[in-house]
């Protein structure tokens, strides 16, 4: 048994409302995120602000979180604070939004956190263990965010369209596939059955890092976009990419 997994994280979830989760948004609403500057003890084990920003952005994009320009008027944002002191660490994730509050007859407005998830733990100098803890908290946030906005998500997503049986339909749906070759930037992938795929631009941040011989399951997308009607599921990395079938290279 790996001793690191005996080190417990104490989880606290805080919702500042008795009638809502604090995560409800209008359809199509996006967000951006801010990562707090890393303390020296974090930097000593390789946890830099730049590294956490890359990890968080990749994780959120993987889960289809819509990003917006922080210069937009009053955007929602995710605040991430990862603190390390000695062999202890803490993680806090807050969802901040523009809120109004009333004092007497006067109404005031400001940014404030309406949802947070946080906890503490200990580490053995392994930055990967702390990053995995961060992923767990991001998973909790995304689950609550999607659940709170399930009606809005259904309105924003393009309705599923059936895969048409025409000359560009793919007949090898399912697992048992692997990558035989791919472009450097991840926009084109060829599977072992010589099927050729174009990856949607939003998911190339993942596929550019996929490796040949990675195991792939081909799925019909629940949220197709135009001719991008399939998903390539990399079972080795646990990542999905929206893709368009271009036919066989035979």
Protein backbone atom coordinates (compact mmCIF):
# COMPACT_ATOMS: atom_id res chain seq x y z
CA UNK A 1 0.00 0.00 0.00
CA UNK A 2 1.30 3.46 -0.87
CA UNK A 3 1.81 5.32 2.40
CA UNK A 4 0.86 8.67 0.84
CA UNK A 5 -2.76 7.55 0.60
CA UNK A 6 -2.90 7.04 4.36
CA UNK A 7 -2.56 10.79 4.78
CA UNK A 8 -6.11 12.04 5.11
CA UNK A 9 -7.53 15.26 3.71
CA UNK A 10 -10.21 16.94 5.80
CA UNK A 11 -12.92 18.14 3.44
CA UNK A 12 -15.08 21.17 4.05
CA UNK A 13 -17.73 22.35 1.61
CA UNK A 14 -19.28 25.75 2.24
CA UNK A 15 -22.32 27.14 0.47
CA UNK A 16 -23.33 30.68 1.43
CA UNK A 17 -27.07 30.33 0.92
CA UNK A 18 -29.87 28.34 2.49
CA UNK A 19 -31.93 28.28 -0.71
CA UNK A 20 -29.33 27.68 -3.43
CA UNK A 21 -25.84 26.34 -4.03
CA UNK A 22 -24.42 29.74 -4.99
CA UNK A 23 -23.41 28.29 -8.35
CA UNK A 24 -26.52 29.03 -10.40
CA UNK A 25 -25.79 31.01 -13.58
CA UNK A 26 -27.59 32.06 -16.75
CA UNK A 27 -27.28 29.85 -19.85
CA UNK A 28 -24.04 30.48 -21.72
CA UNK A 29 -22.31 32.10 -18.75
CA UNK A 30 -18.55 31.60 -18.60
CA UNK A 31 -15.82 32.24 -16.05
CA UNK A 32 -12.11 32.69 -15.63
CA UNK A 33 -9.82 31.59 -12.81
CA UNK A 34 -7.14 33.09 -10.58
CA UNK A 35 -4.36 31.10 -8.89
CA UNK A 36 -2.83 32.62 -5.77
CA UNK A 37 0.94 33.09 -5.69
CA UNK A 38 2.73 29.99 -4.39
CA UNK A 39 4.61 30.21 -1.04
CA UNK A 40 8.30 29.28 -0.83
CA UNK A 41 7.62 25.85 0.69
CA UNK A 42 5.49 25.00 -2.35
CA UNK A 43 8.12 26.22 -4.79
CA UNK A 44 10.75 24.07 -3.06
CA UNK A 45 8.88 20.89 -4.08
CA UNK A 46 8.19 22.13 -7.62
CA UNK A 47 4.73 23.64 -7.18
CA UNK A 48 4.87 26.93 -9.06
CA UNK A 49 2.02 29.27 -9.89
CA UNK A 50 2.59 28.66 -13.61
CA UNK A 51 2.37 24.87 -13.17
CA UNK A 52 -0.89 25.10 -11.21
CA UNK A 53 -2.37 27.49 -13.80
CA UNK A 54 -1.61 24.99 -16.58
CA UNK A 55 -3.03 22.07 -14.58
CA UNK A 56 -6.21 23.95 -13.66
CA UNK A 57 -6.87 25.24 -17.18
CA UNK A 58 -6.37 21.81 -18.71
CA UNK A 59 -8.67 20.22 -16.13
CA UNK A 60 -11.43 22.79 -16.61
CA UNK A 61 -11.25 22.64 -20.40
CA UNK A 62 -11.40 18.86 -20.23
CA UNK A 63 -14.68 19.22 -18.34
CA UNK A 64 -16.09 21.71 -20.89
CA UNK A 65 -16.03 24.75 -18.59
CA UNK A 66 -16.52 27.86 -20.73
CA UNK A 67 -13.77 30.49 -20.40
CA UNK A 68 -14.28 34.23 -20.88
CA UNK A 69 -12.01 37.25 -20.97
CA UNK A 70 -11.45 38.60 -17.42
CA UNK A 71 -11.79 42.12 -18.85
CA UNK A 72 -15.50 41.53 -19.45
CA UNK A 73 -17.82 43.40 -17.12
CA UNK A 74 -18.37 41.61 -13.80
CA UNK A 75 -17.40 38.07 -14.88
CA UNK A 76 -17.61 35.12 -12.51
CA UNK A 77 -14.26 33.67 -11.53
CA UNK A 78 -12.78 30.70 -9.73
CA UNK A 79 -10.22 31.51 -7.04
CA UNK A 80 -7.64 28.81 -6.22
CA UNK A 81 -5.41 29.05 -3.18
CA UNK A 82 -2.90 26.25 -2.62
CA UNK A 83 -0.77 26.80 0.49
CA UNK A 84 2.17 24.68 1.67
CA UNK A 85 3.89 25.09 5.05
CA UNK A 86 6.47 22.45 5.89
CA UNK A 87 4.86 19.06 5.28
CA UNK A 88 1.32 20.43 5.59
CA UNK A 89 -0.82 21.86 2.83
CA UNK A 90 -4.25 23.37 2.33
CA UNK A 91 -6.42 23.79 -0.74
CA UNK A 92 -9.23 26.30 -1.19
CA UNK A 93 -11.44 26.75 -4.24
CA UNK A 94 -13.96 29.60 -4.27
CA UNK A 95 -16.56 30.60 -6.84
CA UNK A 96 -16.75 34.40 -6.84
CA UNK A 97 -19.44 36.51 -8.43
CA UNK A 98 -20.89 40.02 -8.38
CA UNK A 99 -23.54 40.14 -5.66
CA UNK A 100 -25.91 42.75 -4.27
CA UNK A 101 -26.75 43.20 -0.60
CA UNK A 102 -29.09 45.57 1.14
CA UNK A 103 -28.43 47.73 4.18
CA UNK A 104 -31.60 49.50 5.15
CA UNK A 105 -32.91 50.98 1.92
CA UNK A 106 -29.49 51.16 0.25
CA UNK A 107 -28.18 48.43 -2.06
CA UNK A 108 -24.45 47.71 -2.32
CA UNK A 109 -22.61 45.56 -4.87
CA UNK A 110 -19.26 43.76 -4.72
CA UNK A 111 -17.45 40.54 -5.62
CA UNK A 112 -17.96 37.82 -3.04
CA UNK A 113 -17.54 34.04 -2.81
CA UNK A 114 -20.88 32.22 -2.96
CA UNK A 115 -19.45 28.70 -2.89
CA UNK A 116 -16.24 27.19 -1.58
CA UNK A 117 -14.62 23.80 -1.09
CA UNK A 118 -11.50 23.49 1.02
CA UNK A 119 -9.46 21.17 3.14
CA UNK A 120 -6.06 20.35 4.59
CA UNK A 121 -3.60 17.48 4.50
CA UNK A 122 0.03 16.44 4.84
CA UNK A 123 2.51 15.42 2.17
CA UNK A 124 5.85 13.65 1.83
CA UNK A 125 7.43 16.13 -0.57
CA UNK A 126 5.57 14.70 -3.57
CA UNK A 127 3.98 17.53 -5.57
CA UNK A 128 1.91 15.03 -7.58
CA UNK A 129 0.08 14.00 -4.42
CA UNK A 130 -0.93 17.62 -3.77
CA UNK A 131 -1.96 18.16 -7.40
CA UNK A 132 -4.14 15.05 -7.23
CA UNK A 133 -5.77 16.56 -4.15
CA UNK A 134 -6.44 19.72 -6.14
CA UNK A 135 -8.06 17.61 -8.88
CA UNK A 136 -10.37 16.04 -6.29
CA UNK A 137 -11.57 19.47 -5.16
CA UNK A 138 -12.03 20.63 -8.75
CA UNK A 139 -14.08 17.48 -9.37
CA UNK A 140 -16.34 18.41 -6.46
CA UNK A 141 -16.77 21.96 -7.76
CA UNK A 142 -17.56 20.80 -11.32
CA UNK A 143 -20.06 18.21 -10.08
CA UNK A 144 -21.90 20.83 -8.00
CA UNK A 145 -21.66 23.45 -10.78
CA UNK A 146 -23.12 21.12 -13.40
CA UNK A 147 -25.82 19.84 -11.06
CA UNK A 148 -26.84 23.39 -10.15
CA UNK A 149 -27.09 24.37 -13.80
CA UNK A 150 -28.41 21.17 -15.35
CA UNK A 151 -31.37 22.98 -16.94
CA UNK A 152 -29.12 25.72 -18.31
CA UNK A 153 -26.63 23.19 -19.66
CA UNK A 154 -29.38 21.41 -21.54
CA UNK A 155 -30.41 24.73 -23.11
CA UNK A 156 -26.89 25.65 -24.16
CA UNK A 157 -25.75 22.31 -25.53
CA UNK A 158 -26.56 21.46 -29.11
CA UNK A 159 -29.19 18.69 -29.10
CA UNK A 160 -27.82 15.28 -29.92
CA UNK A 161 -28.24 14.33 -33.54
CA UNK A 162 -28.09 10.69 -34.61
CA UNK A 163 -25.12 9.51 -36.62
CA UNK A 164 -26.35 9.33 -40.19
CA UNK A 165 -25.70 6.19 -42.17
CA UNK A 166 -23.90 7.80 -45.10
CA UNK A 167 -20.52 7.36 -46.73
CA UNK A 168 -18.69 9.23 -43.96
CA UNK A 169 -20.24 7.36 -41.01
CA UNK A 170 -17.89 5.34 -38.84
CA UNK A 171 -18.82 1.70 -38.27
CA UNK A 172 -16.19 0.85 -35.65
CA UNK A 173 -17.90 2.38 -32.61
CA UNK A 174 -16.54 1.01 -29.34
CA UNK A 175 -13.24 0.03 -27.79
CA UNK A 176 -10.28 -1.99 -28.95
CA UNK A 177 -8.70 0.84 -30.97
CA UNK A 178 -5.35 2.55 -30.60
CA UNK A 179 -3.47 5.45 -32.15
CA UNK A 180 -1.19 4.45 -34.99
CA UNK A 181 -0.03 7.99 -35.76
CA UNK A 182 -0.91 11.60 -35.00
CA UNK A 183 0.14 15.11 -35.95
CA UNK A 184 2.42 17.06 -33.64
CA UNK A 185 -0.23 19.63 -32.74
CA UNK A 186 -2.89 16.94 -32.20
CA UNK A 187 -5.30 18.08 -34.90
CA UNK A 188 -5.15 14.83 -36.91
CA UNK A 189 -5.24 11.28 -35.55
CA UNK A 190 -5.11 7.96 -37.38
CA UNK A 191 -6.28 4.80 -35.63
CA UNK A 192 -5.06 1.26 -36.17
CA UNK A 193 -7.98 0.54 -38.55
CA UNK A 194 -6.70 3.39 -40.79
CA UNK A 195 -9.62 5.65 -39.86
CA UNK A 196 -8.63 9.32 -40.05
CA UNK A 197 -9.94 11.86 -37.55
CA UNK A 198 -9.86 15.65 -37.28
CA UNK A 199 -9.90 16.84 -33.66
CA UNK A 200 -11.94 19.90 -32.72
CA UNK A 201 -9.73 22.89 -31.88
CA UNK A 202 -10.97 23.11 -28.28
CA UNK A 203 -9.61 19.64 -27.48
CA UNK A 204 -6.23 19.80 -29.21
CA UNK A 205 -4.66 20.95 -25.94
CA UNK A 206 -5.09 17.31 -24.87
CA UNK A 207 -4.53 15.38 -28.09
CA UNK A 208 -1.24 17.13 -28.78
CA UNK A 209 0.08 15.25 -25.73
CA UNK A 210 -1.43 11.86 -26.61
CA UNK A 211 1.01 9.14 -27.55
CA UNK A 212 0.95 6.61 -30.39
CA UNK A 213 -0.36 3.21 -29.21
CA UNK A 214 -2.64 4.96 -26.67
CA UNK A 215 -5.83 2.92 -26.27
CA UNK A 216 -8.88 4.58 -27.78
CA UNK A 217 -12.62 4.01 -27.51
CA UNK A 218 -14.73 5.69 -30.19
CA UNK A 219 -18.06 7.06 -28.99
CA UNK A 220 -20.97 8.93 -30.51
CA UNK A 221 -20.89 12.37 -28.89
CA UNK A 222 -23.72 13.44 -26.61
CA UNK A 223 -22.95 17.04 -27.61
CA UNK A 224 -22.02 16.99 -31.32
CA UNK A 225 -20.95 20.18 -33.05
CA UNK A 226 -21.65 20.17 -36.76
CA UNK A 227 -19.74 17.29 -38.35
CA UNK A 228 -17.79 16.72 -35.13
CA UNK A 229 -20.15 13.92 -34.11
CA UNK A 230 -17.78 11.52 -32.36
CA UNK A 231 -15.58 11.44 -29.29
CA UNK A 232 -12.20 9.76 -29.10
CA UNK A 233 -11.79 8.53 -25.53
CA UNK A 234 -8.17 7.97 -24.52
CA UNK A 235 -8.58 5.31 -21.82
CA UNK A 236 -4.90 5.57 -20.86
CA UNK A 237 -5.14 9.28 -19.96
CA UNK A 238 -8.85 9.44 -19.12
CA UNK A 239 -9.40 12.25 -21.65
CA UNK A 240 -11.98 12.76 -24.42
CA UNK A 241 -11.70 14.73 -27.64
CA UNK A 242 -14.51 15.79 -29.96
CA UNK A 243 -13.64 14.60 -33.46
CA UNK A 244 -14.81 14.50 -37.09
CA UNK A 245 -14.48 11.28 -39.06
CA UNK A 246 -12.72 11.86 -42.38
CA UNK A 247 -12.93 8.34 -43.74
CA UNK A 248 -10.42 5.52 -44.18
CA UNK A 249 -6.92 5.93 -45.57
CA UNK A 250 -7.31 2.72 -47.57
